[in-house]
């Protein structure tokens, strides 16, 4: 154990910071759980039941997912801009370090939210599609923004063959995207190697 770790553990955290961190961790776990459900339930009555949850109460869960998408997208964009500024200040940061810092700022959670949105879109439920399009438009986003995030995920999975379990979860989720012409996710063909 390093001295810094011992020192950092002794710094008291305010209740507000603990509560905020707990809330973020809970959100991230719930997003991961929902993405895993979509990855594991590909068809049948269970899938229909899962999808119906997103239409309940005037699509409030889709509203929440989009709210989280915007928040995590903003965080990742801010971190990307910060990293670009560091490069301009002549500090060398390799691509792996950049990617890890983006993951720390919420890229992984953003990618899972994009996977969920892709599943909702490919369900071909007109009410869900209309709600997603409306919310994207309200936040001045496009389907291409979601696609770009998924392509980053796909490229990372293709370059890292050691994460087979993670790849499987995302592969199952992206398998349905091949038919999503509007999201144009057919280019995200991920194979488990």
N, C-alpha and C. Protein backbone atom coordinates (compact mmCIF):
# COMPACT_ATOMS: atom_id res chain seq x y z
N UNK A 1 0.84 -1.18 0.00
CA UNK A 1 0.00 0.00 0.00
C UNK A 1 0.89 1.24 0.00
N UNK A 2 0.60 2.15 -0.88
CA UNK A 2 1.42 3.35 -0.98
C UNK A 2 1.05 4.36 0.11
N UNK A 3 1.97 5.27 0.35
CA UNK A 3 1.73 6.31 1.34
C UNK A 3 0.60 7.23 0.91
N UNK A 4 0.52 7.48 -0.40
CA UNK A 4 -0.54 8.34 -0.90
C UNK A 4 -1.91 7.70 -0.63
N UNK A 5 -2.02 6.39 -0.85
CA UNK A 5 -3.28 5.69 -0.64
C UNK A 5 -3.71 5.82 0.82
N UNK A 6 -2.76 5.62 1.75
CA UNK A 6 -3.08 5.74 3.17
C UNK A 6 -3.50 7.16 3.49
N UNK A 7 -2.79 8.14 2.93
CA UNK A 7 -3.13 9.53 3.15
C UNK A 7 -4.52 9.85 2.58
N UNK A 8 -4.79 9.40 1.36
CA UNK A 8 -6.06 9.70 0.70
C UNK A 8 -7.23 9.08 1.46
N UNK A 9 -7.02 7.93 2.05
CA UNK A 9 -8.10 7.27 2.80
C UNK A 9 -8.42 8.01 4.09
N UNK A 10 -7.48 8.82 4.58
CA UNK A 10 -7.71 9.53 5.82
C UNK A 10 -8.37 10.89 5.61
N UNK A 11 -8.47 11.33 4.36
CA UNK A 11 -9.12 12.60 4.08
C UNK A 11 -10.62 12.42 4.27
N UNK A 12 -11.20 13.21 5.15
CA UNK A 12 -12.65 13.05 5.36
C UNK A 12 -13.43 13.59 4.18
N UNK A 13 -14.43 12.84 3.78
CA UNK A 13 -15.31 13.27 2.71
C UNK A 13 -16.57 13.86 3.33
N UNK A 14 -17.04 14.92 2.76
CA UNK A 14 -18.28 15.48 3.27
C UNK A 14 -19.43 14.55 2.93
N UNK A 15 -20.51 14.68 3.68
CA UNK A 15 -21.67 13.84 3.44
C UNK A 15 -22.25 14.10 2.06
N UNK A 16 -22.16 15.34 1.62
CA UNK A 16 -22.68 15.71 0.31
C UNK A 16 -21.91 14.98 -0.79
N UNK A 17 -20.57 14.95 -0.68
CA UNK A 17 -19.74 14.26 -1.68
C UNK A 17 -19.99 12.76 -1.66
N UNK A 18 -20.14 12.18 -0.47
CA UNK A 18 -20.43 10.75 -0.37
C UNK A 18 -21.76 10.43 -1.01
N UNK A 19 -22.75 11.26 -0.76
CA UNK A 19 -24.09 11.04 -1.30
C UNK A 19 -24.07 11.16 -2.82
N UNK A 20 -23.36 12.16 -3.33
CA UNK A 20 -23.28 12.36 -4.77
C UNK A 20 -22.57 11.18 -5.42
N UNK A 21 -21.47 10.73 -4.84
CA UNK A 21 -20.72 9.60 -5.38
C UNK A 21 -21.56 8.33 -5.35
N UNK A 22 -22.29 8.13 -4.27
CA UNK A 22 -23.16 6.95 -4.15
C UNK A 22 -24.23 6.98 -5.23
N UNK A 23 -24.83 8.15 -5.46
CA UNK A 23 -25.87 8.27 -6.48
C UNK A 23 -25.32 7.96 -7.87
N UNK A 24 -24.13 8.47 -8.18
CA UNK A 24 -23.51 8.19 -9.48
C UNK A 24 -23.19 6.72 -9.65
N UNK A 25 -22.65 6.10 -8.61
CA UNK A 25 -22.34 4.67 -8.68
C UNK A 25 -23.61 3.85 -8.87
N UNK A 26 -24.67 4.23 -8.21
CA UNK A 26 -25.94 3.52 -8.35
C UNK A 26 -26.47 3.67 -9.78
N UNK A 27 -26.41 4.87 -10.33
CA UNK A 27 -26.84 5.09 -11.71
C UNK A 27 -26.03 4.23 -12.68
N UNK A 28 -24.71 4.21 -12.49
CA UNK A 28 -23.86 3.43 -13.38
C UNK A 28 -24.16 1.95 -13.29
N UNK A 29 -24.42 1.46 -12.10
CA UNK A 29 -24.76 0.04 -11.93
C UNK A 29 -26.10 -0.29 -12.56
N UNK A 30 -27.07 0.61 -12.42
CA UNK A 30 -28.38 0.37 -13.02
C UNK A 30 -28.30 0.39 -14.55
N UNK A 31 -27.53 1.29 -15.09
CA UNK A 31 -27.34 1.35 -16.54
C UNK A 31 -26.70 0.05 -17.03
N UNK A 32 -25.68 -0.40 -16.31
CA UNK A 32 -25.03 -1.65 -16.67
C UNK A 32 -26.00 -2.83 -16.60
N UNK A 33 -26.83 -2.83 -15.59
CA UNK A 33 -27.83 -3.89 -15.44
C UNK A 33 -28.83 -3.89 -16.59
N UNK A 34 -29.32 -2.73 -16.95
CA UNK A 34 -30.28 -2.62 -18.06
C UNK A 34 -29.64 -3.06 -19.37
N UNK A 35 -28.41 -2.64 -19.62
CA UNK A 35 -27.71 -3.05 -20.84
C UNK A 35 -27.52 -4.57 -20.86
N UNK A 36 -27.22 -5.15 -19.70
CA UNK A 36 -27.06 -6.60 -19.61
C UNK A 36 -28.38 -7.32 -19.86
N UNK A 37 -29.47 -6.75 -19.36
CA UNK A 37 -30.78 -7.35 -19.62
C UNK A 37 -31.08 -7.36 -21.12
N UNK A 38 -30.82 -6.25 -21.79
CA UNK A 38 -31.05 -6.21 -23.23
C UNK A 38 -30.15 -7.20 -23.96
N UNK A 39 -28.92 -7.35 -23.49
CA UNK A 39 -27.99 -8.27 -24.13
C UNK A 39 -28.41 -9.72 -23.93
N UNK A 40 -29.01 -10.01 -22.79
CA UNK A 40 -29.37 -11.39 -22.48
C UNK A 40 -30.75 -11.81 -22.95
N UNK A 41 -31.62 -10.85 -23.15
CA UNK A 41 -32.99 -11.16 -23.57
C UNK A 41 -33.18 -10.61 -24.97
N UNK A 42 -32.97 -11.46 -25.96
CA UNK A 42 -32.98 -11.00 -27.34
C UNK A 42 -34.34 -11.10 -28.02
N UNK A 43 -35.22 -11.99 -27.56
CA UNK A 43 -36.54 -12.12 -28.18
C UNK A 43 -37.52 -12.77 -27.22
N UNK A 44 -38.77 -12.77 -27.61
CA UNK A 44 -39.78 -13.44 -26.82
C UNK A 44 -40.55 -12.50 -25.90
N UNK A 45 -41.36 -13.11 -25.05
CA UNK A 45 -42.24 -12.32 -24.18
C UNK A 45 -41.46 -11.54 -23.13
N UNK A 46 -40.34 -12.08 -22.68
CA UNK A 46 -39.53 -11.33 -21.70
C UNK A 46 -39.00 -10.04 -22.31
N UNK A 47 -38.56 -10.13 -23.56
CA UNK A 47 -38.05 -8.92 -24.24
C UNK A 47 -39.17 -7.90 -24.40
N UNK A 48 -40.34 -8.36 -24.80
CA UNK A 48 -41.49 -7.46 -24.94
C UNK A 48 -41.82 -6.80 -23.61
N UNK A 49 -41.74 -7.57 -22.54
CA UNK A 49 -42.02 -7.02 -21.20
C UNK A 49 -40.98 -5.97 -20.82
N UNK A 50 -39.71 -6.26 -21.12
CA UNK A 50 -38.64 -5.30 -20.85
C UNK A 50 -38.86 -4.02 -21.65
N UNK A 51 -39.17 -4.15 -22.91
CA UNK A 51 -39.41 -2.98 -23.76
C UNK A 51 -40.63 -2.19 -23.30
N UNK A 52 -41.66 -2.89 -22.83
CA UNK A 52 -42.87 -2.19 -22.39
C UNK A 52 -42.61 -1.30 -21.19
N UNK A 53 -41.60 -1.63 -20.41
CA UNK A 53 -41.25 -0.78 -19.26
C UNK A 53 -40.82 0.62 -19.69
N UNK A 54 -40.28 0.73 -20.89
CA UNK A 54 -39.81 2.02 -21.38
C UNK A 54 -40.93 2.87 -21.96
N UNK A 55 -42.11 2.29 -22.16
CA UNK A 55 -43.24 3.03 -22.70
C UNK A 55 -44.18 3.48 -21.58
N UNK A 56 -44.06 2.85 -20.41
CA UNK A 56 -44.93 3.19 -19.27
C UNK A 56 -44.79 4.65 -18.88
N UNK A 57 -45.87 5.20 -18.34
CA UNK A 57 -45.88 6.57 -17.81
C UNK A 57 -45.33 7.58 -18.82
N UNK A 58 -45.86 7.51 -20.02
CA UNK A 58 -45.49 8.44 -21.08
C UNK A 58 -43.98 8.45 -21.35
N UNK A 59 -43.40 7.29 -21.42
CA UNK A 59 -41.98 7.09 -21.77
C UNK A 59 -41.02 7.78 -20.80
N UNK A 60 -41.36 7.79 -19.52
CA UNK A 60 -40.50 8.49 -18.56
C UNK A 60 -39.11 7.85 -18.44
N UNK A 61 -39.02 6.55 -18.68
CA UNK A 61 -37.70 5.90 -18.60
C UNK A 61 -36.82 6.27 -19.78
N UNK A 62 -37.43 6.47 -20.94
CA UNK A 62 -36.65 6.95 -22.09
C UNK A 62 -36.17 8.38 -21.81
N UNK A 63 -37.03 9.18 -21.20
CA UNK A 63 -36.63 10.55 -20.83
C UNK A 63 -35.42 10.51 -19.89
N UNK A 64 -35.45 9.61 -18.94
CA UNK A 64 -34.36 9.50 -17.96
C UNK A 64 -33.08 9.01 -18.63
N UNK A 65 -33.22 8.02 -19.52
CA UNK A 65 -32.05 7.51 -20.24
C UNK A 65 -31.42 8.64 -21.07
N UNK A 66 -32.24 9.44 -21.73
CA UNK A 66 -31.71 10.55 -22.53
C UNK A 66 -31.07 11.62 -21.64
N UNK A 67 -31.65 11.85 -20.48
CA UNK A 67 -31.07 12.80 -19.53
C UNK A 67 -29.66 12.33 -19.12
N UNK A 68 -29.54 11.04 -18.84
CA UNK A 68 -28.24 10.48 -18.48
C UNK A 68 -27.28 10.52 -19.66
N UNK A 69 -27.79 10.26 -20.85
CA UNK A 69 -26.96 10.31 -22.05
C UNK A 69 -26.35 11.70 -22.21
N UNK A 70 -27.18 12.72 -22.06
CA UNK A 70 -26.70 14.10 -22.23
C UNK A 70 -25.67 14.43 -21.14
N UNK A 71 -25.96 14.05 -19.91
CA UNK A 71 -25.04 14.37 -18.81
C UNK A 71 -23.68 13.69 -19.02
N UNK A 72 -23.69 12.38 -19.33
CA UNK A 72 -22.43 11.67 -19.51
C UNK A 72 -21.72 12.13 -20.79
N UNK A 73 -22.47 12.46 -21.80
CA UNK A 73 -21.87 12.97 -23.04
C UNK A 73 -21.15 14.29 -22.77
N UNK A 74 -21.77 15.16 -22.00
CA UNK A 74 -21.14 16.44 -21.65
C UNK A 74 -19.86 16.23 -20.85
N UNK A 75 -19.90 15.28 -19.92
CA UNK A 75 -18.71 15.00 -19.11
C UNK A 75 -17.56 14.48 -19.96
N UNK A 76 -17.86 13.58 -20.88
CA UNK A 76 -16.82 13.03 -21.75
C UNK A 76 -16.28 14.10 -22.69
N UNK A 77 -17.15 14.94 -23.22
CA UNK A 77 -16.71 16.03 -24.10
C UNK A 77 -15.80 17.00 -23.34
N UNK A 78 -16.17 17.32 -22.11
CA UNK A 78 -15.35 18.22 -21.30
C UNK A 78 -13.97 17.62 -21.04
N UNK A 79 -13.92 16.33 -20.75
CA UNK A 79 -12.64 15.65 -20.52
C UNK A 79 -11.82 15.61 -21.80
N UNK A 80 -12.46 15.37 -22.93
CA UNK A 80 -11.76 15.35 -24.22
C UNK A 80 -11.15 16.72 -24.51
N UNK A 81 -11.91 17.76 -24.27
CA UNK A 81 -11.39 19.12 -24.49
C UNK A 81 -10.23 19.42 -23.54
N UNK A 82 -10.35 18.96 -22.30
CA UNK A 82 -9.27 19.17 -21.33
C UNK A 82 -8.00 18.45 -21.78
N UNK A 83 -8.15 17.22 -22.28
CA UNK A 83 -7.00 16.46 -22.75
C UNK A 83 -6.38 17.11 -23.99
N UNK A 84 -7.22 17.63 -24.87
CA UNK A 84 -6.70 18.33 -26.05
C UNK A 84 -5.93 19.58 -25.64
N UNK A 85 -6.41 20.27 -24.62
CA UNK A 85 -5.71 21.45 -24.12
C UNK A 85 -4.36 21.07 -23.52
N UNK A 86 -4.30 19.94 -22.83
CA UNK A 86 -3.02 19.47 -22.29
C UNK A 86 -2.03 19.19 -23.41
N UNK A 87 -2.51 18.64 -24.50
CA UNK A 87 -1.63 18.39 -25.64
C UNK A 87 -1.09 19.69 -26.21
N UNK A 88 -1.94 20.72 -26.24
CA UNK A 88 -1.49 22.02 -26.74
C UNK A 88 -0.44 22.63 -25.82
N UNK A 89 -0.49 22.27 -24.55
CA UNK A 89 0.49 22.77 -23.58
C UNK A 89 1.76 21.92 -23.58
N UNK A 90 1.95 21.11 -24.61
CA UNK A 90 3.15 20.29 -24.80
C UNK A 90 3.32 19.19 -23.76
N UNK A 91 2.24 18.71 -23.20
CA UNK A 91 2.33 17.55 -22.31
C UNK A 91 1.98 16.32 -23.14
N UNK A 92 2.88 15.36 -23.13
CA UNK A 92 2.68 14.15 -23.93
C UNK A 92 1.75 13.19 -23.19
N UNK A 93 0.66 12.83 -23.85
CA UNK A 93 -0.27 11.84 -23.32
C UNK A 93 -0.53 10.85 -24.43
N UNK A 94 -0.23 9.58 -24.18
CA UNK A 94 -0.47 8.59 -25.22
C UNK A 94 -1.95 8.26 -25.33
N UNK A 95 -2.32 7.60 -26.42
CA UNK A 95 -3.73 7.32 -26.71
C UNK A 95 -4.38 6.45 -25.64
N UNK A 96 -3.64 5.50 -25.10
CA UNK A 96 -4.20 4.62 -24.07
C UNK A 96 -4.54 5.42 -22.81
N UNK A 97 -3.67 6.34 -22.43
CA UNK A 97 -3.92 7.18 -21.27
C UNK A 97 -5.13 8.08 -21.50
N UNK A 98 -5.24 8.63 -22.71
CA UNK A 98 -6.41 9.45 -23.05
C UNK A 98 -7.69 8.64 -22.92
N UNK A 99 -7.67 7.43 -23.48
CA UNK A 99 -8.85 6.57 -23.43
C UNK A 99 -9.21 6.23 -21.98
N UNK A 100 -8.22 5.92 -21.16
CA UNK A 100 -8.48 5.61 -19.76
C UNK A 100 -9.06 6.80 -19.00
N UNK A 101 -8.58 7.98 -19.30
CA UNK A 101 -9.13 9.18 -18.65
C UNK A 101 -10.57 9.44 -19.08
N UNK A 102 -10.86 9.17 -20.36
CA UNK A 102 -12.24 9.32 -20.82
C UNK A 102 -13.14 8.29 -20.15
N UNK A 103 -12.63 7.07 -19.97
CA UNK A 103 -13.40 6.05 -19.27
C UNK A 103 -13.70 6.50 -17.84
N UNK A 104 -12.71 7.09 -17.19
CA UNK A 104 -12.90 7.59 -15.83
C UNK A 104 -13.93 8.70 -15.77
N UNK A 105 -14.04 9.47 -16.84
CA UNK A 105 -15.01 10.57 -16.84
C UNK A 105 -16.42 10.12 -17.21
N UNK A 106 -16.58 8.84 -17.57
CA UNK A 106 -17.92 8.33 -17.83
C UNK A 106 -18.15 7.76 -19.21
N UNK A 107 -17.09 7.55 -19.99
CA UNK A 107 -17.25 7.02 -21.34
C UNK A 107 -17.91 5.65 -21.35
N UNK A 108 -17.50 4.77 -20.44
CA UNK A 108 -18.08 3.43 -20.39
C UNK A 108 -19.59 3.49 -20.17
N UNK A 109 -20.01 4.30 -19.23
CA UNK A 109 -21.44 4.45 -18.95
C UNK A 109 -22.15 5.05 -20.15
N UNK A 110 -21.54 6.02 -20.80
CA UNK A 110 -22.12 6.62 -22.00
C UNK A 110 -22.28 5.56 -23.10
N UNK A 111 -21.29 4.69 -23.24
CA UNK A 111 -21.38 3.64 -24.24
C UNK A 111 -22.53 2.68 -23.93
N UNK A 112 -22.70 2.34 -22.66
CA UNK A 112 -23.80 1.45 -22.29
C UNK A 112 -25.15 2.12 -22.54
N UNK A 113 -25.24 3.40 -22.28
CA UNK A 113 -26.49 4.13 -22.56
C UNK A 113 -26.77 4.11 -24.06
N UNK A 114 -25.73 4.26 -24.87
CA UNK A 114 -25.90 4.20 -26.32
C UNK A 114 -26.36 2.81 -26.76
N UNK A 115 -25.85 1.78 -26.11
CA UNK A 115 -26.30 0.41 -26.40
C UNK A 115 -27.79 0.27 -26.08
N UNK A 116 -28.20 0.80 -24.94
CA UNK A 116 -29.62 0.75 -24.55
C UNK A 116 -30.48 1.49 -25.58
N UNK A 117 -30.04 2.68 -25.96
CA UNK A 117 -30.79 3.45 -26.96
C UNK A 117 -30.88 2.68 -28.28
N UNK A 118 -29.82 2.01 -28.65
CA UNK A 118 -29.84 1.20 -29.87
C UNK A 118 -30.86 0.08 -29.78
N UNK A 119 -30.92 -0.58 -28.63
CA UNK A 119 -31.92 -1.64 -28.44
C UNK A 119 -33.33 -1.07 -28.51
N UNK A 120 -33.55 0.06 -27.89
CA UNK A 120 -34.88 0.67 -27.93
C UNK A 120 -35.25 1.03 -29.36
N UNK A 121 -34.28 1.58 -30.10
CA UNK A 121 -34.55 1.97 -31.47
C UNK A 121 -34.87 0.76 -32.33
N UNK A 122 -34.09 -0.31 -32.18
CA UNK A 122 -34.29 -1.48 -33.04
C UNK A 122 -35.52 -2.29 -32.66
N UNK A 123 -36.18 -1.94 -31.59
CA UNK A 123 -37.42 -2.65 -31.23
C UNK A 123 -38.52 -2.34 -32.23
N UNK A 124 -38.31 -1.32 -33.03
CA UNK A 124 -39.26 -0.88 -34.05
C UNK A 124 -40.61 -0.49 -33.47
N UNK A 125 -40.59 -0.05 -32.23
CA UNK A 125 -41.79 0.45 -31.57
C UNK A 125 -41.90 1.94 -31.92
N UNK A 126 -42.93 2.31 -32.64
CA UNK A 126 -43.02 3.68 -33.18
C UNK A 126 -43.03 4.74 -32.08
N UNK A 127 -43.66 4.44 -30.96
CA UNK A 127 -43.71 5.44 -29.88
C UNK A 127 -42.33 5.67 -29.27
N UNK A 128 -41.57 4.58 -29.13
CA UNK A 128 -40.20 4.73 -28.60
C UNK A 128 -39.32 5.51 -29.56
N UNK A 129 -39.41 5.16 -30.84
CA UNK A 129 -38.60 5.86 -31.84
C UNK A 129 -38.94 7.35 -31.88
N UNK A 130 -40.23 7.65 -31.86
CA UNK A 130 -40.64 9.05 -31.90
C UNK A 130 -40.11 9.80 -30.68
N UNK A 131 -40.18 9.17 -29.51
CA UNK A 131 -39.70 9.82 -28.29
C UNK A 131 -38.19 10.04 -28.33
N UNK A 132 -37.46 9.04 -28.80
CA UNK A 132 -36.00 9.17 -28.90
C UNK A 132 -35.64 10.28 -29.88
N UNK A 133 -36.29 10.30 -31.05
CA UNK A 133 -36.01 11.35 -32.03
C UNK A 133 -36.32 12.73 -31.47
N UNK A 134 -37.44 12.85 -30.77
CA UNK A 134 -37.83 14.12 -30.17
C UNK A 134 -36.78 14.59 -29.16
N UNK A 135 -36.36 13.69 -28.29
CA UNK A 135 -35.39 14.06 -27.26
C UNK A 135 -34.02 14.37 -27.87
N UNK A 136 -33.63 13.63 -28.88
CA UNK A 136 -32.36 13.94 -29.56
C UNK A 136 -32.42 15.35 -30.16
N UNK A 137 -33.54 15.64 -30.79
CA UNK A 137 -33.71 16.95 -31.43
C UNK A 137 -33.71 18.06 -30.37
N UNK A 138 -34.38 17.83 -29.24
CA UNK A 138 -34.44 18.84 -28.18
C UNK A 138 -33.05 19.16 -27.63
N UNK A 139 -32.19 18.15 -27.59
CA UNK A 139 -30.84 18.35 -27.06
C UNK A 139 -29.83 18.65 -28.15
N UNK A 140 -30.34 18.92 -29.37
CA UNK A 140 -29.48 19.24 -30.51
C UNK A 140 -28.47 18.13 -30.79
N UNK A 141 -28.96 16.90 -30.71
CA UNK A 141 -28.15 15.72 -31.01
C UNK A 141 -28.76 15.01 -32.20
N UNK A 142 -27.97 14.11 -32.78
CA UNK A 142 -28.46 13.30 -33.89
C UNK A 142 -28.21 11.83 -33.60
N UNK A 143 -28.80 10.99 -34.44
CA UNK A 143 -28.55 9.55 -34.30
C UNK A 143 -27.08 9.24 -34.59
N UNK A 144 -26.45 10.08 -35.39
CA UNK A 144 -25.04 9.89 -35.70
C UNK A 144 -24.18 10.02 -34.44
N UNK A 145 -24.57 10.88 -33.51
CA UNK A 145 -23.83 11.03 -32.25
C UNK A 145 -23.83 9.71 -31.49
N UNK A 146 -24.98 9.06 -31.44
CA UNK A 146 -25.08 7.76 -30.76
C UNK A 146 -24.26 6.73 -31.51
N UNK A 147 -24.35 6.75 -32.82
CA UNK A 147 -23.59 5.80 -33.64
C UNK A 147 -22.09 5.96 -33.41
N UNK A 148 -21.61 7.19 -33.33
CA UNK A 148 -20.18 7.44 -33.13
C UNK A 148 -19.70 6.84 -31.81
N UNK A 149 -20.50 6.96 -30.78
CA UNK A 149 -20.13 6.39 -29.49
C UNK A 149 -20.05 4.88 -29.58
N UNK A 150 -21.00 4.28 -30.27
CA UNK A 150 -20.99 2.82 -30.43
C UNK A 150 -19.81 2.36 -31.28
N UNK A 151 -19.42 3.17 -32.26
CA UNK A 151 -18.26 2.80 -33.07
C UNK A 151 -16.97 2.85 -32.27
N UNK A 152 -16.86 3.81 -31.35
CA UNK A 152 -15.69 3.85 -30.46
C UNK A 152 -15.65 2.58 -29.62
N UNK A 153 -16.80 2.18 -29.11
CA UNK A 153 -16.89 0.95 -28.33
C UNK A 153 -16.50 -0.25 -29.17
N UNK A 154 -17.01 -0.34 -30.39
CA UNK A 154 -16.70 -1.46 -31.27
C UNK A 154 -15.22 -1.52 -31.60
N UNK A 155 -14.62 -0.38 -31.88
CA UNK A 155 -13.20 -0.37 -32.22
C UNK A 155 -12.35 -0.77 -31.02
N UNK A 156 -12.74 -0.35 -29.84
CA UNK A 156 -11.99 -0.73 -28.65
C UNK A 156 -12.12 -2.23 -28.39
N UNK A 157 -13.31 -2.77 -28.57
CA UNK A 157 -13.50 -4.20 -28.36
C UNK A 157 -12.73 -5.01 -29.39
N UNK A 158 -12.67 -4.53 -30.62
CA UNK A 158 -11.93 -5.25 -31.65
C UNK A 158 -10.43 -5.21 -31.40
N UNK A 159 -9.93 -4.17 -30.75
CA UNK A 159 -8.49 -4.08 -30.49
C UNK A 159 -8.08 -4.81 -29.22
N UNK A 160 -9.03 -5.12 -28.34
CA UNK A 160 -8.71 -5.77 -27.07
C UNK A 160 -9.42 -7.12 -27.01
N UNK A 161 -8.75 -8.16 -27.47
CA UNK A 161 -9.36 -9.49 -27.54
C UNK A 161 -9.41 -10.19 -26.18
N UNK A 162 -8.79 -9.62 -25.16
CA UNK A 162 -8.73 -10.30 -23.87
C UNK A 162 -10.01 -10.15 -23.06
N UNK A 163 -10.86 -9.23 -23.44
CA UNK A 163 -12.09 -9.00 -22.66
C UNK A 163 -13.25 -9.77 -23.27
N UNK A 164 -13.19 -11.08 -23.22
CA UNK A 164 -14.18 -11.92 -23.88
C UNK A 164 -15.56 -11.77 -23.26
N UNK A 165 -15.64 -11.76 -21.93
CA UNK A 165 -16.95 -11.66 -21.29
C UNK A 165 -17.60 -10.33 -21.61
N UNK A 166 -16.84 -9.25 -21.50
CA UNK A 166 -17.35 -7.92 -21.84
C UNK A 166 -17.75 -7.89 -23.31
N UNK A 167 -16.91 -8.44 -24.17
CA UNK A 167 -17.21 -8.47 -25.59
C UNK A 167 -18.51 -9.21 -25.85
N UNK A 168 -18.72 -10.30 -25.14
CA UNK A 168 -19.93 -11.08 -25.36
C UNK A 168 -21.17 -10.26 -25.02
N UNK A 169 -21.11 -9.54 -23.91
CA UNK A 169 -22.26 -8.73 -23.51
C UNK A 169 -22.57 -7.69 -24.58
N UNK A 170 -21.57 -6.99 -25.04
CA UNK A 170 -21.78 -5.96 -26.03
C UNK A 170 -22.13 -6.57 -27.38
N UNK A 171 -21.53 -7.73 -27.72
CA UNK A 171 -21.84 -8.37 -28.99
C UNK A 171 -23.31 -8.74 -29.05
N UNK A 172 -23.81 -9.28 -27.97
CA UNK A 172 -25.23 -9.64 -27.94
C UNK A 172 -26.08 -8.39 -28.13
N UNK A 173 -25.67 -7.30 -27.53
CA UNK A 173 -26.42 -6.06 -27.68
C UNK A 173 -26.30 -5.49 -29.08
N UNK A 174 -25.12 -5.53 -29.67
CA UNK A 174 -24.92 -4.94 -30.99
C UNK A 174 -25.43 -5.83 -32.10
N UNK A 175 -25.67 -7.10 -31.81
CA UNK A 175 -26.18 -8.00 -32.84
C UNK A 175 -27.49 -7.50 -33.41
N UNK A 176 -28.30 -6.89 -32.57
CA UNK A 176 -29.60 -6.39 -33.02
C UNK A 176 -29.45 -5.12 -33.85
N UNK A 177 -28.31 -4.44 -33.76
CA UNK A 177 -28.15 -3.17 -34.45
C UNK A 177 -27.98 -3.34 -35.95
N UNK A 178 -27.67 -4.54 -36.40
CA UNK A 178 -27.42 -4.74 -37.83
C UNK A 178 -28.65 -4.37 -38.66
N UNK A 179 -29.84 -4.48 -38.09
CA UNK A 179 -31.04 -4.16 -38.86
C UNK A 179 -31.49 -2.72 -38.67
N UNK A 180 -30.77 -1.93 -37.89
CA UNK A 180 -31.18 -0.57 -37.57
C UNK A 180 -30.67 0.40 -38.62
N UNK A 181 -31.43 0.53 -39.71
CA UNK A 181 -30.96 1.37 -40.80
C UNK A 181 -30.87 2.83 -40.40
N UNK A 182 -31.76 3.32 -39.56
CA UNK A 182 -31.72 4.73 -39.20
C UNK A 182 -30.52 5.05 -38.33
N UNK A 183 -30.14 4.17 -37.45
CA UNK A 183 -28.94 4.40 -36.65
C UNK A 183 -27.69 4.06 -37.46
N UNK A 184 -27.87 3.39 -38.59
CA UNK A 184 -26.77 2.98 -39.45
C UNK A 184 -25.67 2.26 -38.68
N UNK A 185 -26.09 1.29 -37.88
CA UNK A 185 -25.13 0.59 -37.03
C UNK A 185 -24.68 -0.72 -37.63
N UNK A 186 -25.01 -0.96 -38.88
CA UNK A 186 -24.61 -2.20 -39.51
C UNK A 186 -23.08 -2.33 -39.57
N UNK A 187 -22.38 -1.21 -39.56
CA UNK A 187 -20.93 -1.24 -39.61
C UNK A 187 -20.33 -1.71 -38.29
N UNK A 188 -21.15 -1.83 -37.25
CA UNK A 188 -20.63 -2.27 -35.96
C UNK A 188 -20.87 -3.77 -35.84
N UNK A 189 -20.14 -4.52 -36.59
CA UNK A 189 -20.22 -5.97 -36.50
C UNK A 189 -19.07 -6.44 -35.63
N UNK A 190 -19.42 -6.91 -34.45
CA UNK A 190 -18.40 -7.34 -33.49
C UNK A 190 -18.42 -8.85 -33.43
N UNK A 191 -17.26 -9.46 -33.55
CA UNK A 191 -17.16 -10.90 -33.46
C UNK A 191 -16.35 -11.27 -32.24
N UNK A 192 -16.77 -12.34 -31.60
CA UNK A 192 -15.99 -12.85 -30.47
C UNK A 192 -14.89 -13.73 -31.04
N UNK A 193 -13.67 -13.37 -30.76
CA UNK A 193 -12.52 -14.13 -31.28
C UNK A 193 -11.92 -14.93 -30.18
